[in-house]
Structure formats: C-alpha cells, structure tokens
Amino acid sequence: MSDLLIGSSAELRQTVTGETLAANVGSGSVDVFATPELVLLLEKTAVAALAGKLEDGSTTVGSALDITHLAATPEGMEVVATAKVVKAEGRKLTFEVSAQDGQEPIAEGTHTRFIVDAEKFQRRADSKSTNDP
C-alpha cells in the first residue's frame, strides 16, 4: 500500500501575519516568519499530501524533520509550501519538503512520517497518563 503513495504531493499557502512572527512566538526577536511556524506549515503540507489516500482507520504521525530555513520572510508575504512522498519503506514515508515566498526559496529538506492505526496509536498514548497522585 505505501508504495502506491510515492509521488503523492500537496501545496499549501499561508500569509505571514503578526501571530506567526518570530518576535511574537518566542523563537527570536525579529519580525519575520518564525521557524516553528514554517515547520508547522511543512508538516501540514505533508499531511495534506496523504488526504484521502490512506486505508480507513489509518493516519500518519511525524517522526523526523530535517530542514534548512534559508531566508527570512516579512509580515504580509505569502509562503507556498510543497511536500511530496519520495520514498516508502513499509509504514515509513519520506517526503521532500520546501517553501518559497514571492522572492526566493525559504526552506528545503525532508520529513518522515509513519502510517499507524489511529485508534491503537491513541490508546497507547493515552495509557501513559494516569490519575494517580
């Protein structure tokens, strides 16, 4: 099944707003698109690349992200992110991810996600919490 996902891709767009600036999210002191917000956009784009393509009851979870934030983007500019599945090894999917603003490339790298049974994964995570004092 995972081999059939190779080539799956998506593109998402996001305008840089005051809420997504490094100075406002705590990841720096300048008024540019924050790296954590860029990471979130790239991960959302990878998830979008798989929309409607997984078996019922399955989802993916992120396990690794290796990106280089190449250039700063000021408030008001649009960022375009892309993600494409380039490798599938069993449940492991590797994406090429990138982003650009209207002027230049701003990020490139890879993202790894694993296909999991959503219910089983959630149950296992929930079992870690306890109500004991």
Protein backbone atom coordinates (compact mmCIF):
# COMPACT_ATOMS: atom_id res chain seq x y z
CA MET A 1 0.00 0.00 0.00
CA SER A 2 2.70 2.50 0.94
CA ASP A 3 4.43 2.14 -2.45
CA LEU A 4 1.26 3.50 -4.02
CA LEU A 5 1.77 6.72 -2.07
CA ILE A 6 5.07 7.57 -3.80
CA GLY A 7 4.53 10.74 -5.78
CA SER A 8 1.64 11.95 -3.64
CA SER A 9 2.03 15.68 -3.14
CA ALA A 10 0.37 18.83 -1.91
CA GLU A 11 0.88 22.56 -1.85
CA LEU A 12 -0.36 24.86 0.90
CA ARG A 13 -0.23 28.64 1.10
CA GLN A 14 -0.05 30.84 4.17
CA THR A 15 0.23 34.59 4.55
CA VAL A 16 2.72 35.70 7.19
CA THR A 17 0.78 37.52 9.92
CA GLY A 18 1.73 39.17 13.19
CA GLU A 19 0.82 35.97 15.04
CA THR A 20 3.38 33.97 13.03
CA LEU A 21 6.36 36.30 13.51
CA ALA A 22 9.42 35.10 15.43
CA ALA A 23 9.17 38.06 17.80
CA ASN A 24 5.61 37.06 18.72
CA VAL A 25 6.01 33.28 19.05
CA GLY A 26 9.17 33.47 21.13
CA SER A 27 11.59 31.99 18.63
CA GLY A 28 13.53 35.18 18.05
CA SER A 29 13.37 38.94 18.29
CA VAL A 30 12.74 39.94 14.68
CA ASP A 31 9.55 40.45 12.71
CA VAL A 32 9.91 37.62 10.20
CA PHE A 33 8.14 34.29 9.64
CA ALA A 34 9.08 32.13 12.63
CA THR A 35 10.88 28.86 12.04
CA PRO A 36 8.39 26.94 14.24
CA GLU A 37 5.55 28.30 12.08
CA LEU A 38 7.42 27.24 8.94
CA VAL A 39 7.89 23.75 10.39
CA LEU A 40 4.17 23.55 11.17
CA LEU A 41 3.27 24.61 7.63
CA LEU A 42 5.59 22.00 6.12
CA GLU A 43 4.15 19.27 8.34
CA LYS A 44 0.57 20.29 7.48
CA THR A 45 1.51 20.13 3.81
CA ALA A 46 2.83 16.57 4.18
CA VAL A 47 -0.41 15.57 5.91
CA ALA A 48 -2.40 17.17 3.09
CA ALA A 49 -0.44 15.15 0.53
CA LEU A 50 -1.97 11.99 2.00
CA ALA A 51 -5.55 13.24 2.39
CA GLY A 52 -7.98 10.55 1.26
CA LYS A 53 -5.19 8.13 0.34
CA LEU A 54 -4.84 6.04 3.49
CA GLU A 55 -6.84 2.97 4.49
CA ASP A 56 -9.79 3.55 6.82
CA GLY A 57 -8.64 3.80 10.41
CA SER A 58 -5.09 4.76 9.43
CA THR A 59 -3.32 8.05 9.91
CA THR A 60 0.27 9.22 9.89
CA VAL A 61 2.45 10.59 12.65
CA GLY A 62 5.55 12.69 12.18
CA SER A 63 8.83 11.26 13.40
CA ALA A 64 11.58 13.42 11.88
CA LEU A 65 12.02 16.74 10.16
CA ASP A 66 15.32 17.93 8.73
CA ILE A 67 15.02 21.34 7.13
CA THR A 68 17.15 24.34 6.43
CA HIS A 69 15.45 27.72 6.86
CA LEU A 70 17.19 29.54 4.01
CA ALA A 71 15.74 33.05 4.03
CA ALA A 72 13.58 35.40 6.08
CA THR A 73 10.05 36.37 5.07
CA PRO A 74 8.42 39.54 6.42
CA GLU A 75 4.82 40.04 7.50
CA GLY A 76 2.32 40.28 4.66
CA MET A 77 4.10 37.97 2.21
CA GLU A 78 2.65 34.65 1.15
CA VAL A 79 4.59 31.45 1.76
CA VAL A 80 3.97 28.47 -0.53
CA ALA A 81 4.92 25.08 0.90
CA THR A 82 5.18 21.82 -1.01
CA ALA A 83 5.53 18.21 0.14
CA LYS A 84 5.99 15.10 -1.97
CA VAL A 85 6.36 11.45 -0.96
CA VAL A 86 9.67 10.32 -2.44
CA LYS A 87 10.26 7.05 -0.59
CA ALA A 88 8.12 4.38 1.07
CA GLU A 89 9.54 1.60 3.23
CA GLY A 90 6.73 -0.37 4.83
CA ARG A 91 4.95 2.09 7.13
CA LYS A 92 7.72 4.71 6.81
CA LEU A 93 7.17 7.55 4.33
CA THR A 94 9.83 10.11 3.39
CA PHE A 95 8.81 13.47 1.96
CA GLU A 96 10.78 16.14 0.19
CA VAL A 97 9.54 19.45 1.59
CA SER A 98 10.20 23.00 0.52
CA ALA A 99 8.84 26.50 0.81
CA GLN A 100 9.22 29.78 -1.00
CA ASP A 101 7.93 33.30 -0.70
CA GLY A 102 7.33 35.59 -3.65
CA GLN A 103 11.04 36.36 -3.90
CA GLU A 104 13.05 33.21 -3.23
CA PRO A 105 13.21 29.71 -1.75
CA ILE A 106 12.98 29.93 2.04
CA ALA A 107 13.21 26.27 3.12
CA GLU A 108 14.17 22.82 1.91
CA GLY A 109 14.55 19.43 3.49
CA THR A 110 12.95 16.10 4.32
CA HIS A 111 10.16 14.94 6.61
CA THR A 112 9.47 11.39 7.80
CA ARG A 113 6.04 10.12 8.78
CA PHE A 114 4.82 6.65 9.78
CA ILE A 115 1.47 5.11 8.89
CA VAL A 116 -0.26 3.92 12.06
CA ASP A 117 -3.60 2.57 13.20
CA ALA A 118 -5.14 5.75 14.63
CA GLU A 119 -7.15 4.09 17.40
CA LYS A 120 -4.33 1.82 18.55
CA PHE A 121 -1.85 4.72 18.49
CA GLN A 122 -4.16 6.96 20.53
CA ARG A 123 -4.90 4.20 23.04
CA ARG A 124 -1.18 3.60 23.58
CA ALA A 125 -0.51 7.32 24.06
CA ASP A 126 -3.45 7.69 26.46
CA SER A 127 -2.19 4.75 28.53
CA LYS A 128 0.80 6.88 29.55
CA SER A 129 -1.37 9.26 31.54
CA THR A 130 -2.66 8.36 34.95
CA ASN A 131 -4.89 9.94 37.55
CA ASP A 132 -2.75 8.69 40.44
CA PRO A 133 -1.32 11.43 42.69
